[in-house]
Amino acid sequence: GPLSERRLMDVRLGELPMWLATRDFSPQGLLGAVQKAWSSYHDKYINVKRGGPAGISMLLAGYCLLSYGWSYQHIKCHRWRKYH
């Protein structure tokens, strides 16, 4: 199909700049992309008939990694301090 209708995983590396140029980077377009991503994540991992703890554990693991990344600079400086 047309390049603008393809998903990111279906785009080849050489087509990536042209695909990015077709995206909508306005605040409304970004909000729509986030809502679509959340909806597909929710449908795939959380809203299933026989679901397990995988969806919620992935969400918690992502939160842990994100919070560690935000506080990494503080942790790195704290690690080099000496206590005596």
C-alpha atoms as a PDB file:
ATOM      1  CA  GLY A   1       0.000   0.000   0.000  1.00  0.00           C
ATOM      2  CA  PRO A   2       0.944   3.649   0.104  1.00  0.00           C
ATOM      3  CA  LEU A   3       3.842   4.613   2.302  1.00  0.00           C
ATOM      4  CA  SER A   4       1.732   6.837   4.556  1.00  0.00           C
ATOM      5  CA  GLU A   5      -0.559   3.925   5.519  1.00  0.00           C
ATOM      6  CA  ARG A   6       2.210   1.496   6.482  1.00  0.00           C
ATOM      7  CA  ARG A   7       3.135   0.728  10.065  1.00  0.00           C
ATOM      8  CA  LEU A   8       6.617   1.553  11.338  1.00  0.00           C
ATOM      9  CA  MET A   9       7.669  -2.102  11.399  1.00  0.00           C
ATOM     10  CA  ASP A  10       6.709  -2.470   7.712  1.00  0.00           C
ATOM     11  CA  VAL A  11       8.816   0.475   6.521  1.00  0.00           C
ATOM     12  CA  ARG A  12      12.279  -0.223   5.132  1.00  0.00           C
ATOM     13  CA  LEU A  13      15.266   1.709   6.415  1.00  0.00           C
ATOM     14  CA  GLY A  14      15.690   3.669   3.173  1.00  0.00           C
ATOM     15  CA  GLU A  15      12.030   4.706   3.229  1.00  0.00           C
ATOM     16  CA  LEU A  16      12.147   5.899   6.853  1.00  0.00           C
ATOM     17  CA  PRO A  17      12.807   9.632   6.198  1.00  0.00           C
ATOM     18  CA  MET A  18       9.981   9.802   3.657  1.00  0.00           C
ATOM     19  CA  TRP A  19       7.663   7.892   6.024  1.00  0.00           C
ATOM     20  CA  LEU A  20       8.500  10.305   8.866  1.00  0.00           C
ATOM     21  CA  ALA A  21       7.702  13.243   6.573  1.00  0.00           C
ATOM     22  CA  THR A  22       4.173  11.886   6.087  1.00  0.00           C
ATOM     23  CA  ARG A  23       3.483  11.708   9.849  1.00  0.00           C
ATOM     24  CA  ASP A  24       1.415  14.335  11.655  1.00  0.00           C
ATOM     25  CA  PHE A  25       3.559  15.902  14.398  1.00  0.00           C
ATOM     26  CA  SER A  26       0.964  18.397  15.592  1.00  0.00           C
ATOM     27  CA  PRO A  27      -0.156  18.062  19.228  1.00  0.00           C
ATOM     28  CA  GLN A  28      -3.460  16.563  18.091  1.00  0.00           C
ATOM     29  CA  GLY A  29      -1.677  14.086  15.808  1.00  0.00           C
ATOM     30  CA  LEU A  30       0.729  13.040  18.573  1.00  0.00           C
ATOM     31  CA  LEU A  31      -2.144  12.616  21.014  1.00  0.00           C
ATOM     32  CA  GLY A  32      -3.961  10.446  18.477  1.00  0.00           C
ATOM     33  CA  ALA A  33      -0.836   8.309  18.004  1.00  0.00           C
ATOM     34  CA  VAL A  34      -0.464   7.830  21.763  1.00  0.00           C
ATOM     35  CA  GLN A  35      -4.141   6.892  22.092  1.00  0.00           C
ATOM     36  CA  LYS A  36      -3.854   4.398  19.233  1.00  0.00           C
ATOM     37  CA  ALA A  37      -0.703   2.847  20.746  1.00  0.00           C
ATOM     38  CA  TRP A  38      -2.335   2.563  24.187  1.00  0.00           C
ATOM     39  CA  SER A  39      -5.466   1.043  22.675  1.00  0.00           C
ATOM     40  CA  SER A  40      -3.504  -1.584  20.753  1.00  0.00           C
ATOM     41  CA  TYR A  41      -1.379  -2.395  23.835  1.00  0.00           C
ATOM     42  CA  HIS A  42      -4.490  -2.685  25.977  1.00  0.00           C
ATOM     43  CA  ASP A  43      -6.257  -4.929  23.455  1.00  0.00           C
ATOM     44  CA  LYS A  44      -3.216  -7.162  23.001  1.00  0.00           C
ATOM     45  CA  TYR A  45      -2.025  -7.645  26.580  1.00  0.00           C
ATOM     46  CA  ILE A  46      -4.692  -6.552  29.074  1.00  0.00           C
ATOM     47  CA  ASN A  47      -8.153  -6.914  27.541  1.00  0.00           C
ATOM     48  CA  VAL A  48      -7.961 -10.618  26.628  1.00  0.00           C
ATOM     49  CA  LYS A  49     -10.152 -13.569  27.625  1.00  0.00           C
ATOM     50  CA  ARG A  50      -7.372 -15.715  29.081  1.00  0.00           C
ATOM     51  CA  GLY A  51      -4.823 -13.130  30.075  1.00  0.00           C
ATOM     52  CA  GLY A  52      -1.997 -13.521  32.498  1.00  0.00           C
ATOM     53  CA  PRO A  53       0.140 -11.091  34.408  1.00  0.00           C
ATOM     54  CA  ALA A  54       2.315 -10.336  31.359  1.00  0.00           C
ATOM     55  CA  GLY A  55       0.630  -7.084  30.320  1.00  0.00           C
ATOM     56  CA  ILE A  56       0.644  -5.471  33.729  1.00  0.00           C
ATOM     57  CA  SER A  57       4.155  -6.722  34.526  1.00  0.00           C
ATOM     58  CA  MET A  58       5.421  -5.207  31.257  1.00  0.00           C
ATOM     59  CA  LEU A  59       3.813  -1.916  32.230  1.00  0.00           C
ATOM     60  CA  LEU A  60       5.409  -2.010  35.698  1.00  0.00           C
ATOM     61  CA  ALA A  61       8.811  -2.963  34.263  1.00  0.00           C
ATOM     62  CA  GLY A  62       8.596  -0.040  31.845  1.00  0.00           C
ATOM     63  CA  TYR A  63       7.730   2.295  34.713  1.00  0.00           C
ATOM     64  CA  CYS A  64      10.701   1.009  36.743  1.00  0.00           C
ATOM     65  CA  LEU A  65      13.098   1.526  33.831  1.00  0.00           C
ATOM     66  CA  LEU A  66      11.725   4.986  33.153  1.00  0.00           C
ATOM     67  CA  SER A  67      11.984   6.094  36.778  1.00  0.00           C
ATOM     68  CA  TYR A  68      15.520   4.685  37.025  1.00  0.00           C
ATOM     69  CA  GLY A  69      16.466   6.606  33.888  1.00  0.00           C
ATOM     70  CA  TRP A  70      15.069   9.824  35.358  1.00  0.00           C
ATOM     71  CA  SER A  71      17.020   9.455  38.610  1.00  0.00           C
ATOM     72  CA  TYR A  72      20.205   7.936  37.135  1.00  0.00           C
ATOM     73  CA  GLN A  73      22.260  11.125  37.439  1.00  0.00           C
ATOM     74  CA  HIS A  74      21.437  11.386  41.149  1.00  0.00           C
ATOM     75  CA  ILE A  75      22.173   7.699  41.724  1.00  0.00           C
ATOM     76  CA  LYS A  76      25.473   7.965  39.844  1.00  0.00           C
ATOM     77  CA  CYS A  77      26.648  10.926  41.957  1.00  0.00           C
ATOM     78  CA  HIS A  78      25.471   9.265  45.149  1.00  0.00           C
ATOM     79  CA  ARG A  79      27.401   6.084  44.338  1.00  0.00           C
ATOM     80  CA  TRP A  80      30.770   7.865  44.310  1.00  0.00           C
ATOM     81  CA  ARG A  81      30.347   9.505  47.724  1.00  0.00           C
ATOM     82  CA  LYS A  82      32.361   8.030  50.557  1.00  0.00           C
ATOM     83  CA  TYR A  83      30.966   7.507  54.003  1.00  0.00           C
ATOM     84  CA  HIS A  84      33.586   7.899  56.751  1.00  0.00           C
END
